[in-house]
Structure formats: C-alpha cells, structure tokens
Amino acid sequence: MTPRARDTAAALADPRGAGPRPSAPPPATRDTRTFSQARAKETYQALIAAAAEVFAEKGFDAAQSPDIAQRAGVSVGTFYRYFADKRQAFIELIRAHLSESYDSVMANLTLEHFGDARTAADRRAAVDQVVDVLFSNVEQNPDLHHVFLSLSLRDPDVSAIQHEFDELARQALALLIEQVTPRERIPDPLAAAEVIQVAAQQIAFSLIGNRAPKRKRAEAKALRAALSDMLYAYVFGAR
C-alpha cells in the first residue's frame, strides 16, 4: 500500500462520529519489501510488470509461473525467490495497481479542488477531472480489471483487497462531502459516498464488462458526461 493509502487509513474517522473504522486485515503477501540491491528491486518490478501482462492476456487460471518468468526474462527459479506461487504474484500485483489508482483519484478529491474558495465552474471542472481519472484507470488495462473482478468473486483474499480499497475511498469521499456540503443537503455523507462510489464504479466497469463488441468512444464519452452531471447535481445541487 502506498503512503497516501496508509495515511488515509490511519487518519480518517467515520463521518457519523463513530471514530476510526478498522480495515480488514490484509492478506499475507510480501508487499512490504526492502531490497539491498538495485538489481533485486529491478527484477521484482520486472516480474510484477510481466505478471500484469500475462494475467491480462491469459486470465488467472491459464497463466502459469513459467509464463511470467519467461516474459520477465528470468528463470523460473528466480520467480520463486520472489513469490511462493502465481497467486501471490497476482495479489501483490493487484495491490500495487489499486494503490496507484487510489492515489491518482484521491489526489483530485481534496478541499483544494472543492472547497469554499472554488467557484462553481472550478468545482464542475474538478468533478470532470475525477471522473476522467477513474475511467482512465480502468481503460489502461481493461483485461486485467476483468481478471481482478472475476477472481474477487471466488478468492477471499482478493475480495478482501477490493473491500479494503473500497472502504478507504468511501471514507475519504464521505469526509470531503462533509466538508464541502451542508448537512441540510446531504444528511449522511457516508451513505452519499457509497451511492457515488457504487454508481461510478459500475459505470466505469461496464466498459469492460461488455467486451464484445467494445463500446464506441462516443458512448464512453457520453457516459462520462452523464456521470459528471449526476455527481455535480447531487453534491452541489446545480448543473
């Protein structure tokens, strides 16, 4: 998990006033690593990048550890010095991927972008930016997202990672809503955050759920615009 995600988990309080919410314990991985040599770090990063390509191309079940090693340009023995099996490689890969996605979205969900000092036009532009980042994260590797969503339905550790990041994002969004929107307008920021999160994710993931035929760019653009309209009107009460 990146520093931003760790800081959010440590600092966020429940907007309903119940205090910090504990996250589900993360699955056992080697995602907190230190490397005594730059070459070891480079090999690990090459394996993670190779794993992303192989899982995206073949799916989780068909992908094998030798495939990942070959794609990274290392021996199978080297692969097993870093990972116990392909499942651990996938878990570490997806945790790193979600951390990066989380950070890119949260960098745009701040008071600097939505606070009282911002104009209506500024806020609308900020909503558009967040939606663009969310869609871009999904579009960067749709096949990997498809594998991740499928595996999360049958692997409890992968599901736990998904819920962990969903909870972090939901609480961060709820805190922002509480800071920029009067309670008379949105009485329950956490419930509002969950509604926004589910709607945004479902729309973004729909672009990879129906993979044949692929949605046209014009349709994706229309979905982005409609989502931005809905979110801005819901949170700020105006178009």
Protein backbone atom coordinates (compact mmCIF):
# COMPACT_ATOMS: atom_id res chain seq x y z
CA MET A 1 0.00 0.00 0.00
CA THR A 2 1.31 3.42 -0.88
CA PRO A 3 1.99 6.09 1.78
CA ARG A 4 -1.13 8.03 0.75
CA ALA A 5 -3.35 4.99 1.26
CA ARG A 6 -1.71 4.17 4.61
CA ASP A 7 -2.12 7.75 5.79
CA THR A 8 -5.78 7.74 4.81
CA ALA A 9 -6.41 4.50 6.66
CA ALA A 10 -4.74 5.84 9.78
CA ALA A 11 -6.26 9.31 9.79
CA LEU A 12 -9.82 9.03 8.53
CA ALA A 13 -12.66 8.99 11.04
CA ASP A 14 -16.22 7.79 10.41
CA PRO A 15 -18.20 10.91 9.35
CA ARG A 16 -21.07 9.68 11.55
CA GLY A 17 -18.84 10.25 14.55
CA ALA A 18 -18.11 6.64 15.44
CA GLY A 19 -14.35 7.09 15.28
CA PRO A 20 -11.81 5.40 13.01
CA ARG A 21 -13.04 2.34 11.16
CA PRO A 22 -10.67 -0.63 11.22
CA SER A 23 -9.82 -2.08 7.85
CA ALA A 24 -9.97 -5.81 7.24
CA PRO A 25 -6.54 -7.34 7.82
CA PRO A 26 -4.72 -7.51 4.51
CA PRO A 27 -3.89 -10.94 3.11
CA ALA A 28 -0.42 -12.25 3.71
CA THR A 29 1.91 -11.03 0.98
CA ARG A 30 5.40 -9.70 0.62
CA ASP A 31 4.17 -6.29 -0.49
CA THR A 32 6.28 -4.52 2.14
CA ARG A 33 9.70 -5.21 0.71
CA THR A 34 13.15 -3.79 1.04
CA PHE A 35 15.89 -4.51 -1.45
CA SER A 36 19.54 -4.41 -0.54
CA GLN A 37 20.49 -4.20 -4.21
CA ALA A 38 19.04 -2.14 -7.02
CA ARG A 39 19.17 -5.19 -9.29
CA ALA A 40 16.89 -7.16 -6.96
CA LYS A 41 14.34 -4.35 -6.99
CA GLU A 42 14.51 -4.14 -10.78
CA THR A 43 13.94 -7.89 -11.06
CA TYR A 44 10.92 -7.70 -8.76
CA GLN A 45 9.45 -4.81 -10.75
CA ALA A 46 10.06 -6.69 -14.00
CA LEU A 47 8.21 -9.72 -12.59
CA ILE A 48 5.27 -7.57 -11.48
CA ALA A 49 5.06 -5.93 -14.91
CA ALA A 50 5.30 -9.31 -16.62
CA ALA A 51 2.61 -10.72 -14.35
CA ALA A 52 0.27 -7.88 -15.32
CA GLU A 53 0.74 -8.68 -19.00
CA VAL A 54 0.40 -12.45 -18.63
CA PHE A 55 -2.67 -12.37 -16.39
CA ALA A 56 -4.33 -9.82 -18.69
CA GLU A 57 -3.65 -11.96 -21.76
CA LYS A 58 -4.36 -15.44 -20.39
CA GLY A 59 -6.56 -14.93 -17.35
CA PHE A 60 -5.69 -16.18 -13.88
CA ASP A 61 -6.32 -19.89 -14.37
CA ALA A 62 -4.42 -20.30 -17.64
CA ALA A 63 -1.46 -18.14 -16.61
CA GLN A 64 1.45 -20.06 -15.12
CA SER A 65 4.55 -19.07 -13.19
CA PRO A 66 6.92 -20.06 -16.05
CA ASP A 67 4.95 -17.76 -18.37
CA ILE A 68 5.60 -14.84 -16.03
CA ALA A 69 9.27 -15.71 -15.62
CA GLN A 70 9.76 -16.00 -19.38
CA ARG A 71 8.01 -12.69 -20.01
CA ALA A 72 10.24 -11.01 -17.41
CA GLY A 73 13.36 -12.57 -18.93
CA VAL A 74 14.35 -14.52 -15.82
CA SER A 75 14.46 -18.17 -14.79
CA VAL A 76 11.57 -19.95 -13.07
CA GLY A 77 13.83 -20.34 -10.05
CA THR A 78 14.21 -16.57 -9.87
CA PHE A 79 10.42 -16.21 -9.92
CA TYR A 80 10.15 -18.49 -6.88
CA ARG A 81 12.74 -16.46 -5.00
CA TYR A 82 10.25 -13.58 -5.05
CA PHE A 83 6.87 -15.33 -4.94
CA ALA A 84 5.53 -18.54 -3.46
CA ASP A 85 3.26 -19.08 -6.47
CA LYS A 86 1.35 -17.24 -9.18
CA ARG A 87 -1.44 -16.38 -6.74
CA GLN A 88 0.92 -14.40 -4.55
CA ALA A 89 2.26 -12.61 -7.62
CA PHE A 90 -1.28 -11.67 -8.60
CA ILE A 91 -2.13 -10.43 -5.11
CA GLU A 92 0.96 -8.23 -4.94
CA LEU A 93 0.36 -7.01 -8.48
CA ILE A 94 -3.25 -6.05 -7.87
CA ARG A 95 -2.48 -4.40 -4.53
CA ALA A 96 0.14 -2.21 -6.21
CA HIS A 97 -2.25 -1.46 -9.09
CA LEU A 98 -5.09 -0.47 -6.76
CA SER A 99 -2.76 1.66 -4.66
CA GLU A 100 -1.71 3.63 -7.71
CA SER A 101 -5.31 4.00 -8.88
CA TYR A 102 -6.42 5.08 -5.40
CA ASP A 103 -3.70 7.71 -5.17
CA SER A 104 -4.49 9.12 -8.61
CA VAL A 105 -8.19 9.52 -7.72
CA MET A 106 -7.62 10.86 -4.19
CA ALA A 107 -5.14 13.45 -5.44
CA ASN A 108 -8.15 15.11 -7.11
CA LEU A 109 -10.59 14.73 -4.21
CA THR A 110 -9.31 17.47 -1.93
CA LEU A 111 -10.50 20.74 -0.42
CA GLU A 112 -8.10 22.47 -2.77
CA HIS A 113 -10.33 21.32 -5.63
CA PHE A 114 -13.77 21.54 -3.98
CA GLY A 115 -13.53 23.96 -1.04
CA ASP A 116 -15.42 27.19 -0.48
CA ALA A 117 -12.73 29.19 -2.27
CA ARG A 118 -13.55 27.42 -5.54
CA THR A 119 -16.16 28.73 -7.97
CA ALA A 120 -19.00 26.65 -9.36
CA ALA A 121 -17.07 26.33 -12.61
CA ASP A 122 -13.97 25.19 -10.71
CA ARG A 123 -15.95 22.53 -8.88
CA ARG A 124 -17.61 21.26 -12.04
CA ALA A 125 -14.22 21.02 -13.73
CA ALA A 126 -12.90 19.13 -10.68
CA VAL A 127 -15.77 16.63 -10.90
CA ASP A 128 -15.00 16.10 -14.58
CA GLN A 129 -11.34 15.54 -13.72
CA VAL A 130 -12.11 12.90 -11.10
CA VAL A 131 -14.41 11.05 -13.50
CA ASP A 132 -11.74 11.21 -16.22
CA VAL A 133 -9.12 9.75 -13.86
CA LEU A 134 -11.46 6.96 -12.78
CA PHE A 135 -12.26 5.98 -16.36
CA SER A 136 -8.61 6.27 -17.39
CA ASN A 137 -7.55 3.89 -14.63
CA VAL A 138 -9.99 1.28 -15.92
CA GLU A 139 -9.13 1.87 -19.58
CA GLN A 140 -5.37 1.49 -19.04
CA ASN A 141 -5.68 -2.29 -18.62
CA PRO A 142 -9.28 -3.44 -19.03
CA ASP A 143 -8.35 -7.11 -19.35
CA LEU A 144 -6.50 -7.04 -16.01
CA HIS A 145 -9.51 -5.38 -14.38
CA HIS A 146 -11.70 -8.12 -15.80
CA VAL A 147 -9.46 -10.82 -14.31
CA PHE A 148 -9.38 -9.00 -10.97
CA LEU A 149 -13.16 -8.63 -10.76
CA SER A 150 -13.69 -12.27 -11.72
CA LEU A 151 -11.17 -13.57 -9.21
CA SER A 152 -12.55 -11.38 -6.42
CA LEU A 153 -15.79 -13.39 -6.63
CA ARG A 154 -14.06 -16.64 -5.67
CA ASP A 155 -10.86 -15.77 -3.82
CA PRO A 156 -11.43 -14.32 -0.32
CA ASP A 157 -8.02 -12.64 -0.18
CA VAL A 158 -8.53 -10.86 -3.50
CA SER A 159 -12.02 -9.90 -2.36
CA ALA A 160 -10.55 -8.54 0.89
CA ILE A 161 -8.18 -6.32 -1.06
CA GLN A 162 -11.05 -4.94 -3.11
CA HIS A 163 -13.11 -4.21 0.00
CA GLU A 164 -10.11 -2.63 1.73
CA PHE A 165 -9.59 -0.06 -1.02
CA ASP A 166 -13.32 0.49 -1.47
CA GLU A 167 -13.59 1.31 2.23
CA LEU A 168 -10.64 3.69 2.13
CA ALA A 169 -12.08 5.54 -0.85
CA ARG A 170 -15.59 5.63 0.61
CA GLN A 171 -14.48 7.15 3.90
CA ALA A 172 -12.23 9.69 2.19
CA LEU A 173 -15.08 10.75 -0.10
CA ALA A 174 -17.51 10.94 2.84
CA LEU A 175 -15.13 13.20 4.72
CA LEU A 176 -14.83 15.51 1.72
CA ILE A 177 -18.62 15.63 1.26
CA GLU A 178 -18.99 16.55 4.92
CA GLN A 179 -16.53 19.39 4.48
CA VAL A 180 -17.98 20.91 1.29
CA THR A 181 -21.73 20.19 1.53
CA PRO A 182 -24.18 21.38 4.23
CA ARG A 183 -25.79 18.64 6.30
CA GLU A 184 -29.20 20.00 5.33
CA ARG A 185 -28.40 18.97 1.76
CA ILE A 186 -26.68 15.64 2.46
CA PRO A 187 -27.54 14.46 5.99
CA ASP A 188 -25.47 11.26 5.77
CA PRO A 189 -22.15 11.80 3.95
CA LEU A 190 -21.13 8.16 4.31
CA ALA A 191 -24.29 6.90 2.66
CA ALA A 192 -23.88 9.50 -0.07
CA ALA A 193 -20.28 8.42 -0.60
CA GLU A 194 -21.34 4.81 -1.01
CA VAL A 195 -24.02 5.74 -3.56
CA ILE A 196 -21.49 7.78 -5.54
CA GLN A 197 -18.85 5.07 -5.33
CA VAL A 198 -21.14 2.27 -6.50
CA ALA A 199 -22.56 4.34 -9.35
CA ALA A 200 -19.15 5.48 -10.57
CA GLN A 201 -17.60 2.02 -10.36
CA GLN A 202 -20.49 0.30 -12.09
CA ILE A 203 -20.46 2.76 -14.97
CA ALA A 204 -16.68 2.58 -15.37
CA PHE A 205 -16.60 -1.21 -15.10
CA SER A 206 -19.46 -1.54 -17.58
CA LEU A 207 -16.95 -0.53 -20.23
CA ILE A 208 -15.03 -3.75 -19.59
CA GLY A 209 -17.98 -5.94 -18.65
CA ASN A 210 -19.37 -5.93 -22.19
CA ARG A 211 -16.19 -6.70 -24.04
CA ALA A 212 -17.68 -7.93 -27.32
CA PRO A 213 -18.46 -5.74 -29.07
CA LYS A 214 -16.48 -2.98 -27.39
CA ARG A 215 -18.29 0.25 -26.65
CA LYS A 216 -17.63 3.08 -29.04
CA ARG A 217 -15.60 6.03 -27.83
CA ALA A 218 -18.59 8.31 -28.31
CA GLU A 219 -20.66 6.13 -25.98
CA ALA A 220 -17.92 6.14 -23.34
CA LYS A 221 -17.69 9.92 -23.61
CA ALA A 222 -21.46 10.19 -23.15
CA LEU A 223 -21.29 8.01 -20.05
CA ARG A 224 -18.58 10.20 -18.57
CA ALA A 225 -20.59 13.35 -19.20
CA ALA A 226 -23.77 11.86 -17.72
CA LEU A 227 -21.91 10.66 -14.64
CA SER A 228 -20.34 14.10 -14.12
CA ASP A 229 -23.73 15.79 -14.48
CA MET A 230 -25.28 13.44 -11.94
CA LEU A 231 -22.49 13.76 -9.36
CA TYR A 232 -22.28 17.54 -9.56
CA ALA A 233 -26.05 17.96 -9.28
CA TYR A 234 -26.25 15.52 -6.36
CA VAL A 235 -23.43 17.01 -4.29
CA PHE A 236 -23.79 20.70 -5.11
CA GLY A 237 -27.41 20.99 -6.18
CA ALA A 238 -26.76 22.60 -9.55
CA ARG A 239 -25.78 21.76 -13.09
